[in-house]
N, C-alpha and C. Protein backbone atom coordinates (compact mmCIF):
# COMPACT_ATOMS: atom_id res chain seq x y z
N MET A 1 -26.24 -5.67 3.27
CA MET A 1 -25.61 -6.65 2.40
C MET A 1 -26.63 -7.01 1.32
N SER A 2 -26.25 -6.85 0.07
CA SER A 2 -27.17 -7.07 -1.03
C SER A 2 -27.34 -8.55 -1.39
N PHE A 3 -26.33 -9.35 -1.19
CA PHE A 3 -26.47 -10.77 -1.50
C PHE A 3 -25.53 -11.58 -0.61
N TYR A 4 -25.84 -12.86 -0.49
CA TYR A 4 -25.03 -13.77 0.32
C TYR A 4 -24.99 -15.13 -0.38
N ILE A 5 -23.81 -15.68 -0.57
CA ILE A 5 -23.65 -16.98 -1.21
C ILE A 5 -23.40 -18.02 -0.12
N ASP A 6 -24.34 -18.91 0.07
CA ASP A 6 -24.21 -19.94 1.09
C ASP A 6 -23.58 -21.18 0.47
N ALA A 7 -22.39 -21.54 0.95
CA ALA A 7 -21.65 -22.68 0.40
C ALA A 7 -21.84 -23.96 1.21
N THR A 8 -22.85 -24.00 2.07
CA THR A 8 -23.06 -25.15 2.95
C THR A 8 -23.23 -26.45 2.17
N SER A 9 -24.00 -26.44 1.09
CA SER A 9 -24.22 -27.67 0.33
C SER A 9 -22.92 -28.17 -0.29
N MET A 10 -22.05 -27.25 -0.70
CA MET A 10 -20.75 -27.65 -1.24
C MET A 10 -19.90 -28.31 -0.16
N PHE A 11 -19.92 -27.75 1.06
CA PHE A 11 -19.17 -28.35 2.16
C PHE A 11 -19.66 -29.75 2.46
N GLU A 12 -20.96 -29.96 2.41
CA GLU A 12 -21.52 -31.28 2.70
C GLU A 12 -21.22 -32.27 1.58
N THR A 13 -21.28 -31.82 0.34
CA THR A 13 -21.09 -32.71 -0.81
C THR A 13 -19.65 -33.16 -0.97
N PHE A 14 -18.70 -32.25 -0.77
CA PHE A 14 -17.30 -32.54 -1.07
C PHE A 14 -16.42 -32.63 0.18
N ALA A 15 -17.01 -32.99 1.31
CA ALA A 15 -16.28 -33.02 2.57
C ALA A 15 -15.20 -34.10 2.59
N THR A 16 -14.05 -33.73 3.12
CA THR A 16 -12.93 -34.63 3.36
C THR A 16 -12.50 -34.43 4.81
N SER A 17 -12.14 -35.49 5.48
CA SER A 17 -11.73 -35.37 6.87
C SER A 17 -10.32 -34.79 6.96
N LEU A 18 -10.17 -33.69 7.68
CA LEU A 18 -8.89 -33.00 7.87
C LEU A 18 -8.62 -32.84 9.35
N ILE A 19 -7.36 -32.95 9.74
CA ILE A 19 -6.95 -32.64 11.11
C ILE A 19 -6.25 -31.29 11.06
N VAL A 20 -6.78 -30.32 11.80
CA VAL A 20 -6.26 -28.95 11.77
C VAL A 20 -5.56 -28.66 13.09
N TYR A 21 -4.32 -28.16 12.98
CA TYR A 21 -3.55 -27.72 14.13
C TYR A 21 -3.45 -26.20 14.05
N PRO A 22 -4.40 -25.48 14.68
CA PRO A 22 -4.40 -24.02 14.57
C PRO A 22 -3.12 -23.40 15.11
N LYS A 23 -2.63 -22.39 14.40
CA LYS A 23 -1.43 -21.68 14.85
C LYS A 23 -1.87 -20.58 15.80
N ASN A 24 -1.22 -20.52 16.93
CA ASN A 24 -1.54 -19.50 17.92
C ASN A 24 -0.60 -18.32 17.72
N THR A 25 -1.09 -17.27 17.08
CA THR A 25 -0.24 -16.10 16.83
C THR A 25 -0.22 -15.17 18.03
N GLN A 26 -1.18 -15.30 18.92
CA GLN A 26 -1.20 -14.49 20.12
C GLN A 26 -0.40 -15.22 21.19
N LYS A 27 0.57 -14.56 21.72
CA LYS A 27 1.39 -15.18 22.76
C LYS A 27 0.74 -14.94 24.12
N ASP A 28 -0.38 -15.64 24.33
CA ASP A 28 -1.07 -15.54 25.60
C ASP A 28 -0.36 -16.39 26.64
N GLY A 29 -0.51 -15.99 27.87
CA GLY A 29 0.11 -16.75 28.94
C GLY A 29 -0.22 -16.11 30.28
N HIS A 30 0.54 -16.50 31.26
CA HIS A 30 0.31 -15.98 32.60
C HIS A 30 1.62 -16.05 33.39
N TYR A 31 1.66 -15.29 34.49
CA TYR A 31 2.82 -15.33 35.37
C TYR A 31 2.58 -16.38 36.45
N GLU A 32 3.61 -17.17 36.67
CA GLU A 32 3.55 -18.19 37.71
C GLU A 32 4.85 -18.11 38.49
N ASP A 33 4.77 -17.77 39.76
CA ASP A 33 5.95 -17.60 40.61
C ASP A 33 6.95 -16.64 39.99
N GLY A 34 6.44 -15.55 39.39
CA GLY A 34 7.31 -14.53 38.83
C GLY A 34 7.86 -14.84 37.45
N ARG A 35 7.50 -15.97 36.87
CA ARG A 35 7.97 -16.33 35.52
C ARG A 35 6.78 -16.36 34.56
N TRP A 36 7.02 -15.92 33.32
CA TRP A 36 5.98 -15.95 32.30
C TRP A 36 5.86 -17.36 31.74
N ILE A 37 4.67 -17.90 31.75
CA ILE A 37 4.39 -19.23 31.24
C ILE A 37 3.45 -19.06 30.04
N ASP A 38 3.90 -19.51 28.86
CA ASP A 38 3.05 -19.45 27.67
C ASP A 38 1.90 -20.43 27.81
N ASP A 39 0.72 -20.01 27.35
CA ASP A 39 -0.41 -20.93 27.31
C ASP A 39 -0.12 -22.01 26.27
N PRO A 40 -0.66 -23.21 26.47
CA PRO A 40 -0.42 -24.28 25.49
C PRO A 40 -1.04 -23.95 24.14
N GLU A 41 -0.49 -24.57 23.11
CA GLU A 41 -1.03 -24.41 21.76
C GLU A 41 -2.47 -24.94 21.72
N PRO A 42 -3.30 -24.38 20.87
CA PRO A 42 -4.67 -24.90 20.76
C PRO A 42 -4.66 -26.38 20.36
N ALA A 43 -5.62 -27.11 20.86
CA ALA A 43 -5.72 -28.54 20.56
C ALA A 43 -6.11 -28.75 19.09
N PRO A 44 -5.60 -29.81 18.48
CA PRO A 44 -6.00 -30.09 17.09
C PRO A 44 -7.48 -30.45 17.03
N LYS A 45 -8.08 -30.16 15.88
CA LYS A 45 -9.48 -30.52 15.70
C LYS A 45 -9.69 -31.12 14.33
N THR A 46 -10.67 -32.00 14.24
CA THR A 46 -11.01 -32.64 12.98
C THR A 46 -12.19 -31.91 12.37
N VAL A 47 -12.05 -31.55 11.09
CA VAL A 47 -13.13 -30.90 10.36
C VAL A 47 -13.38 -31.68 9.07
N ASP A 48 -14.59 -31.59 8.58
CA ASP A 48 -14.96 -32.22 7.31
C ASP A 48 -15.28 -31.11 6.32
N GLU A 49 -14.28 -30.77 5.48
CA GLU A 49 -14.41 -29.67 4.53
C GLU A 49 -13.71 -30.04 3.22
N PRO A 50 -14.06 -29.37 2.13
CA PRO A 50 -13.45 -29.70 0.83
C PRO A 50 -11.94 -29.44 0.81
N PHE A 51 -11.22 -30.39 0.25
CA PHE A 51 -9.77 -30.32 0.09
C PHE A 51 -9.47 -30.69 -1.36
N ILE A 52 -8.73 -29.82 -2.06
CA ILE A 52 -8.46 -30.03 -3.48
C ILE A 52 -6.96 -30.15 -3.70
N PRO A 53 -6.45 -31.37 -3.88
CA PRO A 53 -5.02 -31.51 -4.18
C PRO A 53 -4.75 -31.04 -5.60
N MET A 54 -3.61 -30.43 -5.80
CA MET A 54 -3.25 -29.94 -7.12
C MET A 54 -2.41 -30.98 -7.85
N GLY A 55 -2.59 -31.07 -9.13
CA GLY A 55 -1.85 -32.02 -9.95
C GLY A 55 -1.33 -31.33 -11.20
N ARG A 56 -0.92 -32.11 -12.16
CA ARG A 56 -0.36 -31.55 -13.39
C ARG A 56 -1.36 -30.68 -14.14
N VAL A 57 -2.61 -31.09 -14.18
CA VAL A 57 -3.63 -30.29 -14.87
C VAL A 57 -3.78 -28.93 -14.18
N SER A 58 -3.72 -28.93 -12.86
CA SER A 58 -3.88 -27.69 -12.11
C SER A 58 -2.68 -26.76 -12.24
N ASP A 59 -1.56 -27.26 -12.72
CA ASP A 59 -0.38 -26.41 -12.90
C ASP A 59 -0.70 -25.19 -13.75
N TYR A 60 -1.67 -25.32 -14.63
CA TYR A 60 -1.98 -24.24 -15.54
C TYR A 60 -3.17 -23.42 -15.10
N SER A 61 -3.68 -23.69 -13.91
CA SER A 61 -4.82 -22.92 -13.44
C SER A 61 -4.58 -22.39 -12.03
N ALA A 62 -5.18 -23.02 -11.03
CA ALA A 62 -5.18 -22.46 -9.68
C ALA A 62 -3.84 -22.55 -8.97
N MET A 63 -3.01 -23.53 -9.31
CA MET A 63 -1.78 -23.73 -8.55
C MET A 63 -0.75 -22.65 -8.82
N LEU A 64 -0.77 -22.08 -9.99
CA LEU A 64 0.18 -21.04 -10.33
C LEU A 64 -0.53 -19.69 -10.27
N MET A 65 -0.10 -18.86 -9.36
CA MET A 65 -0.75 -17.57 -9.18
C MET A 65 0.28 -16.47 -9.37
N THR A 66 0.04 -15.62 -10.32
CA THR A 66 0.96 -14.52 -10.56
C THR A 66 0.61 -13.38 -9.62
N ARG A 67 1.59 -12.88 -8.95
CA ARG A 67 1.41 -11.77 -8.03
C ARG A 67 1.75 -10.46 -8.73
N ASP A 68 1.41 -9.35 -8.10
CA ASP A 68 1.71 -8.04 -8.67
C ASP A 68 3.19 -7.86 -8.94
N THR A 69 4.02 -8.53 -8.16
CA THR A 69 5.47 -8.40 -8.32
C THR A 69 6.00 -9.27 -9.44
N GLY A 70 5.15 -10.11 -10.00
CA GLY A 70 5.59 -11.02 -11.04
C GLY A 70 6.04 -12.36 -10.49
N ASP A 71 6.01 -12.51 -9.16
CA ASP A 71 6.39 -13.79 -8.56
C ASP A 71 5.34 -14.84 -8.88
N LEU A 72 5.77 -16.05 -9.02
CA LEU A 72 4.88 -17.16 -9.28
C LEU A 72 4.80 -18.00 -8.02
N GLN A 73 3.61 -18.16 -7.47
CA GLN A 73 3.43 -18.94 -6.26
C GLN A 73 2.86 -20.30 -6.63
N ARG A 74 3.44 -21.35 -6.08
CA ARG A 74 3.00 -22.71 -6.36
C ARG A 74 2.51 -23.34 -5.07
N TYR A 75 1.29 -23.87 -5.09
CA TYR A 75 0.71 -24.49 -3.92
C TYR A 75 0.42 -25.95 -4.20
N SER A 76 0.42 -26.74 -3.14
CA SER A 76 0.17 -28.18 -3.26
C SER A 76 -1.31 -28.51 -3.23
N ALA A 77 -2.12 -27.64 -2.60
CA ALA A 77 -3.54 -27.94 -2.44
C ALA A 77 -4.30 -26.68 -2.07
N GLU A 78 -5.62 -26.76 -2.22
CA GLU A 78 -6.53 -25.72 -1.75
C GLU A 78 -7.47 -26.36 -0.74
N TRP A 79 -7.82 -25.59 0.26
CA TRP A 79 -8.73 -26.05 1.31
C TRP A 79 -9.83 -25.01 1.44
N LEU A 80 -11.07 -25.42 1.24
CA LEU A 80 -12.22 -24.54 1.35
C LEU A 80 -12.81 -24.73 2.74
N SER A 81 -12.86 -23.65 3.51
CA SER A 81 -13.22 -23.78 4.92
C SER A 81 -14.22 -22.73 5.36
N LYS A 82 -14.98 -23.09 6.40
CA LYS A 82 -15.87 -22.14 7.06
C LYS A 82 -15.16 -21.46 8.23
N GLY A 83 -14.01 -21.98 8.63
CA GLY A 83 -13.30 -21.48 9.80
C GLY A 83 -12.32 -20.37 9.48
N LYS A 84 -11.87 -19.70 10.54
CA LYS A 84 -10.85 -18.66 10.44
C LYS A 84 -9.55 -19.21 11.02
N TYR A 85 -8.51 -19.25 10.19
CA TYR A 85 -7.22 -19.78 10.62
C TYR A 85 -6.11 -18.84 10.19
N GLU A 86 -5.03 -18.86 10.93
CA GLU A 86 -3.88 -18.00 10.68
C GLU A 86 -2.92 -18.65 9.68
N MET A 87 -2.09 -17.81 9.08
CA MET A 87 -1.01 -18.33 8.24
C MET A 87 -0.11 -19.21 9.11
N GLY A 88 0.35 -20.31 8.56
CA GLY A 88 1.20 -21.22 9.32
C GLY A 88 0.44 -22.34 9.99
N THR A 89 -0.89 -22.31 9.91
CA THR A 89 -1.70 -23.39 10.47
C THR A 89 -1.35 -24.69 9.74
N ALA A 90 -1.20 -25.78 10.48
CA ALA A 90 -0.89 -27.08 9.88
C ALA A 90 -2.18 -27.87 9.67
N VAL A 91 -2.25 -28.56 8.53
CA VAL A 91 -3.40 -29.39 8.18
C VAL A 91 -2.86 -30.75 7.75
N ILE A 92 -3.43 -31.82 8.29
CA ILE A 92 -3.01 -33.17 7.90
C ILE A 92 -4.15 -33.85 7.16
N VAL A 93 -3.85 -34.30 5.95
CA VAL A 93 -4.83 -34.99 5.11
C VAL A 93 -4.19 -36.27 4.60
N HIS A 94 -4.80 -37.40 4.89
CA HIS A 94 -4.30 -38.71 4.44
C HIS A 94 -2.83 -38.90 4.81
N GLY A 95 -2.45 -38.44 6.00
CA GLY A 95 -1.09 -38.63 6.49
C GLY A 95 -0.06 -37.65 5.97
N VAL A 96 -0.47 -36.70 5.13
CA VAL A 96 0.45 -35.70 4.60
C VAL A 96 0.18 -34.37 5.29
N ARG A 97 1.25 -33.73 5.75
CA ARG A 97 1.14 -32.46 6.46
C ARG A 97 1.29 -31.30 5.49
N TYR A 98 0.32 -30.37 5.55
CA TYR A 98 0.33 -29.16 4.73
C TYR A 98 0.34 -27.95 5.65
N ILE A 99 0.88 -26.84 5.15
CA ILE A 99 0.93 -25.59 5.89
C ILE A 99 0.18 -24.52 5.11
N VAL A 100 -0.66 -23.73 5.80
CA VAL A 100 -1.38 -22.63 5.16
C VAL A 100 -0.37 -21.53 4.82
N ARG A 101 -0.29 -21.18 3.51
CA ARG A 101 0.64 -20.16 3.04
C ARG A 101 -0.04 -18.89 2.55
N ASP A 102 -1.32 -19.00 2.17
CA ASP A 102 -2.04 -17.84 1.67
C ASP A 102 -3.53 -18.12 1.81
N LYS A 103 -4.36 -17.08 1.67
CA LYS A 103 -5.80 -17.30 1.76
C LYS A 103 -6.54 -16.21 1.00
N ASP A 104 -7.74 -16.55 0.58
CA ASP A 104 -8.70 -15.60 0.01
C ASP A 104 -9.92 -15.65 0.91
N ASP A 105 -10.25 -14.51 1.52
CA ASP A 105 -11.34 -14.43 2.48
C ASP A 105 -12.59 -13.88 1.80
N TYR A 106 -13.60 -14.71 1.68
CA TYR A 106 -14.86 -14.31 1.06
C TYR A 106 -15.98 -14.16 2.10
N THR A 107 -15.64 -14.05 3.37
CA THR A 107 -16.65 -14.04 4.42
C THR A 107 -17.49 -12.77 4.46
N SER A 108 -17.12 -11.76 3.70
CA SER A 108 -17.97 -10.56 3.68
C SER A 108 -19.28 -10.82 2.94
N TYR A 109 -19.32 -11.85 2.07
CA TYR A 109 -20.57 -12.17 1.38
C TYR A 109 -20.80 -13.68 1.22
N SER A 110 -20.07 -14.48 1.99
CA SER A 110 -20.24 -15.92 1.94
C SER A 110 -19.72 -16.54 3.23
N ASN A 111 -19.90 -17.84 3.39
CA ASN A 111 -19.35 -18.55 4.55
C ASN A 111 -18.15 -19.37 4.10
N LEU A 112 -17.28 -18.77 3.30
CA LEU A 112 -16.19 -19.48 2.66
C LEU A 112 -14.88 -18.70 2.75
N THR A 113 -13.82 -19.40 3.10
CA THR A 113 -12.47 -18.89 2.98
C THR A 113 -11.66 -19.97 2.26
N ILE A 114 -10.89 -19.57 1.25
CA ILE A 114 -10.05 -20.51 0.53
C ILE A 114 -8.63 -20.37 1.04
N TYR A 115 -8.07 -21.47 1.53
CA TYR A 115 -6.70 -21.49 2.02
C TYR A 115 -5.83 -22.22 1.01
N TYR A 116 -4.67 -21.65 0.73
CA TYR A 116 -3.71 -22.25 -0.19
C TYR A 116 -2.63 -22.93 0.63
N LEU A 117 -2.42 -24.21 0.40
CA LEU A 117 -1.55 -25.03 1.23
C LEU A 117 -0.31 -25.47 0.46
N GLN A 118 0.78 -25.58 1.20
CA GLN A 118 2.02 -26.11 0.66
C GLN A 118 2.38 -27.33 1.50
N ALA A 119 2.73 -28.43 0.82
CA ALA A 119 3.15 -29.62 1.56
C ALA A 119 4.35 -29.25 2.42
N ASP A 120 4.35 -29.71 3.66
CA ASP A 120 5.40 -29.34 4.60
C ASP A 120 6.76 -29.80 4.13
N ASP A 121 6.83 -30.99 3.53
CA ASP A 121 8.09 -31.51 3.01
C ASP A 121 7.84 -31.92 1.56
N GLN A 122 7.94 -30.98 0.63
CA GLN A 122 7.58 -31.22 -0.76
C GLN A 122 8.39 -32.35 -1.38
N ASP A 123 9.68 -32.42 -1.10
CA ASP A 123 10.50 -33.47 -1.70
C ASP A 123 10.06 -34.85 -1.24
N GLN A 124 9.78 -35.00 0.05
CA GLN A 124 9.33 -36.28 0.59
C GLN A 124 7.97 -36.64 0.01
N LYS A 125 7.06 -35.66 -0.08
CA LYS A 125 5.72 -35.92 -0.62
C LYS A 125 5.81 -36.38 -2.06
N ASP A 126 6.59 -35.70 -2.88
CA ASP A 126 6.72 -36.08 -4.29
C ASP A 126 7.30 -37.49 -4.42
N GLY A 127 8.29 -37.81 -3.63
CA GLY A 127 8.89 -39.13 -3.68
C GLY A 127 7.92 -40.21 -3.26
N ASP A 128 7.11 -39.93 -2.24
CA ASP A 128 6.14 -40.91 -1.77
C ASP A 128 5.06 -41.16 -2.81
N GLU A 129 4.62 -40.11 -3.50
CA GLU A 129 3.58 -40.29 -4.51
C GLU A 129 4.08 -41.16 -5.65
N LYS A 130 5.37 -41.05 -5.97
CA LYS A 130 5.92 -41.84 -7.08
C LYS A 130 5.91 -43.33 -6.76
N ILE A 131 6.13 -43.67 -5.49
CA ILE A 131 6.19 -45.09 -5.15
C ILE A 131 4.88 -45.59 -4.56
N GLY A 132 3.89 -44.71 -4.46
CA GLY A 132 2.55 -45.12 -4.05
C GLY A 132 2.37 -45.26 -2.56
N THR A 133 3.18 -44.58 -1.76
CA THR A 133 3.00 -44.60 -0.32
C THR A 133 2.72 -43.18 0.15
N SER A 134 2.35 -43.04 1.41
CA SER A 134 2.13 -41.70 1.94
C SER A 134 3.05 -41.46 3.11
N SER A 135 3.33 -40.20 3.38
CA SER A 135 4.20 -39.84 4.50
C SER A 135 3.49 -40.14 5.80
N THR A 136 4.24 -40.50 6.81
CA THR A 136 3.66 -40.71 8.13
C THR A 136 4.26 -39.68 9.07
N LEU A 137 3.51 -39.35 10.07
CA LEU A 137 3.96 -38.35 11.04
C LEU A 137 4.35 -39.00 12.32
């Protein structure tokens, strides 16, 4: 490896408390009395990592991503993480639930993965922001 970009200072400087509910894509389990029993979902964990909510200014930069097919993808936030998470992982920030919809993995030369998040209930989130309240779970 010719170079490595260590993002540790960025994680420390811009940390926000997030509750992560990892998605279990592996259907692990065991047989009990002849019946298959799925293992429980992984327990939620709290991490302190950068979280970037998107706003009107971001509409013209990171939030709108043109794909090879010409599709336009719109995300509610970006999450910069040191962890490895699957698509569909839920993240709760300030009482708002987000779902991981896409990611850019830079771990081949850094300790950073960028996850693109979509608010779980976009209509409710937008309405709450207008009246100055946040969604509760």
